[in-house]
Amino acid sequence: MNRRVGRPAIAAVEVLLAAAVAVLAVRWWHRGVIVTDVAGAELFRVDGRWWSAAVLVATVAGLVLIDVARRLALALRQPTRDQPTRDQPTRDQPTRDGGDLGGAGLTPPPAQDHR
C-alpha cells in the first residue's frame, strides 16, 4: 500500500478507535460514582478502581490521537517516490559535495589511498 494513502487510512481507523475508547472511559468514570440515599440525603462515594481504569483508557485514547496527528503530518509532508524534494538530488544530478549517486552509465569515483 502506498504510504501516502495508507497513513490517512490508518489515521481514520485510529480516530474511530480513540472515540470508542473515550466512550468507554466516560462509562467507566460514571460507573465509579456510587450514590447512596441516607435519611433523605444523597451521598456520593467513589470507587477508585473504575476511575483509575477510566483514566488509563482516556490516556490511551489521548496517545492514539497524538499518533493520528503524527501520521497525518507525515502523510501531508512526504513526497511521492516520483517527485524528489528540493534537497534530494535525482540520479542524474550530482550531490552538493560533488559526489556521484551512481546512476546508470556513471562510473564510481576513484578509490582513495588512505595510508
Protein backbone atom coordinates (compact mmCIF):
# COMPACT_ATOMS: atom_id res chain seq x y z
CA MET A 1 0.00 0.00 0.00
CA ASN A 2 1.26 3.45 -0.84
CA ARG A 3 2.29 5.32 2.30
CA ARG A 4 0.51 8.46 1.15
CA VAL A 5 -2.74 6.51 1.02
CA GLY A 6 -2.00 4.17 3.94
CA ARG A 7 -1.24 6.75 6.62
CA PRO A 8 -4.55 8.65 6.34
CA ALA A 9 -6.46 5.35 6.24
CA ILE A 10 -4.74 4.12 9.38
CA ALA A 11 -5.30 7.53 10.98
CA ALA A 12 -9.04 7.28 10.26
CA VAL A 13 -9.19 3.86 11.93
CA GLU A 14 -7.25 5.22 14.90
CA VAL A 15 -9.71 8.13 15.27
CA LEU A 16 -12.57 5.63 15.45
CA LEU A 17 -10.62 3.58 17.98
CA ALA A 18 -9.94 6.67 20.10
CA ALA A 19 -13.62 7.63 20.01
CA ALA A 20 -14.67 4.15 21.15
CA VAL A 21 -12.10 4.17 23.95
CA ALA A 22 -13.24 7.67 25.03
CA VAL A 23 -16.84 6.45 25.27
CA LEU A 24 -15.62 3.54 27.37
CA ALA A 25 -13.72 5.94 29.63
CA VAL A 26 -16.84 8.07 30.22
CA ARG A 27 -18.93 4.99 31.02
CA TRP A 28 -16.33 3.70 33.48
CA TRP A 29 -15.99 7.14 35.09
CA HIS A 30 -19.74 7.33 35.74
CA ARG A 31 -19.80 3.74 36.92
CA GLY A 32 -17.24 4.68 39.57
CA VAL A 33 -19.66 7.14 41.20
CA ILE A 34 -21.89 5.38 43.72
CA VAL A 35 -24.90 7.32 45.03
CA THR A 36 -26.36 6.31 48.39
CA ASP A 37 -29.55 7.72 49.91
CA VAL A 38 -29.21 8.08 53.69
CA ALA A 39 -32.02 9.76 55.66
CA GLY A 40 -33.21 11.72 52.64
CA ALA A 41 -29.74 12.97 51.69
CA GLU A 42 -27.75 11.75 48.71
CA LEU A 43 -24.21 10.69 49.49
CA PHE A 44 -21.68 10.25 46.72
CA ARG A 45 -18.95 7.68 47.02
CA VAL A 46 -16.19 6.98 44.54
CA ASP A 47 -14.91 3.57 43.51
CA GLY A 48 -11.27 4.18 42.70
CA ARG A 49 -10.87 1.06 40.56
CA TRP A 50 -13.34 2.33 37.98
CA TRP A 51 -11.91 5.83 38.00
CA SER A 52 -8.34 4.57 37.60
CA ALA A 53 -9.44 2.34 34.72
CA ALA A 54 -11.22 5.31 33.14
CA VAL A 55 -8.10 7.48 33.46
CA LEU A 56 -6.00 4.71 31.95
CA VAL A 57 -8.18 4.26 28.86
CA ALA A 58 -8.56 8.04 28.46
CA THR A 59 -4.75 8.27 28.44
CA VAL A 60 -4.60 5.56 25.78
CA ALA A 61 -7.15 7.50 23.70
CA GLY A 62 -5.03 10.63 24.01
CA LEU A 63 -1.90 8.79 22.90
CA VAL A 64 -3.76 7.36 19.92
CA LEU A 65 -4.87 10.87 18.93
CA ILE A 66 -1.27 12.09 19.16
CA ASP A 67 -0.31 9.24 16.82
CA VAL A 68 -3.10 10.30 14.45
CA ALA A 69 -1.67 13.82 14.30
CA ARG A 70 1.81 12.41 13.62
CA ARG A 71 0.55 10.13 10.83
CA LEU A 72 -1.36 12.95 9.16
CA ALA A 73 1.61 15.29 9.37
CA LEU A 74 3.84 12.66 7.77
CA ALA A 75 1.27 11.93 5.08
CA LEU A 76 0.96 15.60 4.17
CA ARG A 77 4.67 16.34 4.02
CA GLN A 78 6.04 13.14 2.49
CA PRO A 79 6.77 13.43 -1.24
CA THR A 80 5.98 10.57 -3.56
CA ARG A 81 8.83 8.48 -4.94
CA ASP A 82 8.38 10.06 -8.35
CA GLN A 83 8.88 13.59 -7.04
CA PRO A 84 12.21 14.25 -5.30
CA THR A 85 12.34 17.05 -2.79
CA ARG A 86 14.48 20.11 -3.32
CA ASP A 87 17.13 18.67 -1.03
CA GLN A 88 17.26 15.26 -2.72
CA PRO A 89 19.24 15.13 -5.96
CA THR A 90 17.95 12.91 -8.72
CA ARG A 91 20.08 10.09 -10.12
CA ASP A 92 21.27 12.35 -12.93
CA GLN A 93 22.27 15.30 -10.73
CA PRO A 94 25.48 15.41 -8.70
CA THR A 95 25.23 15.79 -4.95
CA ARG A 96 26.11 19.03 -3.18
CA ASP A 97 29.55 17.74 -2.22
CA GLY A 98 30.34 16.90 -5.84
CA GLY A 99 29.90 13.17 -5.35
CA ASP A 100 28.01 10.91 -7.67
CA LEU A 101 24.88 8.95 -6.83
CA GLY A 102 26.00 6.09 -9.05
CA GLY A 103 23.32 6.37 -11.71
CA ALA A 104 23.13 4.17 -14.77
CA GLY A 105 26.15 4.55 -17.03
CA LEU A 106 28.17 6.52 -14.48
CA THR A 107 31.42 5.25 -13.09
CA PRO A 108 32.09 5.32 -9.36
CA PRO A 109 34.58 7.82 -8.02
CA PRO A 110 38.17 6.58 -7.90
CA ALA A 111 39.27 4.85 -4.72
CA GLN A 112 41.41 6.93 -2.40
CA ASP A 113 44.58 5.65 -0.82
CA HIS A 114 44.31 6.10 2.98
CA ARG A 115 47.87 5.44 4.16
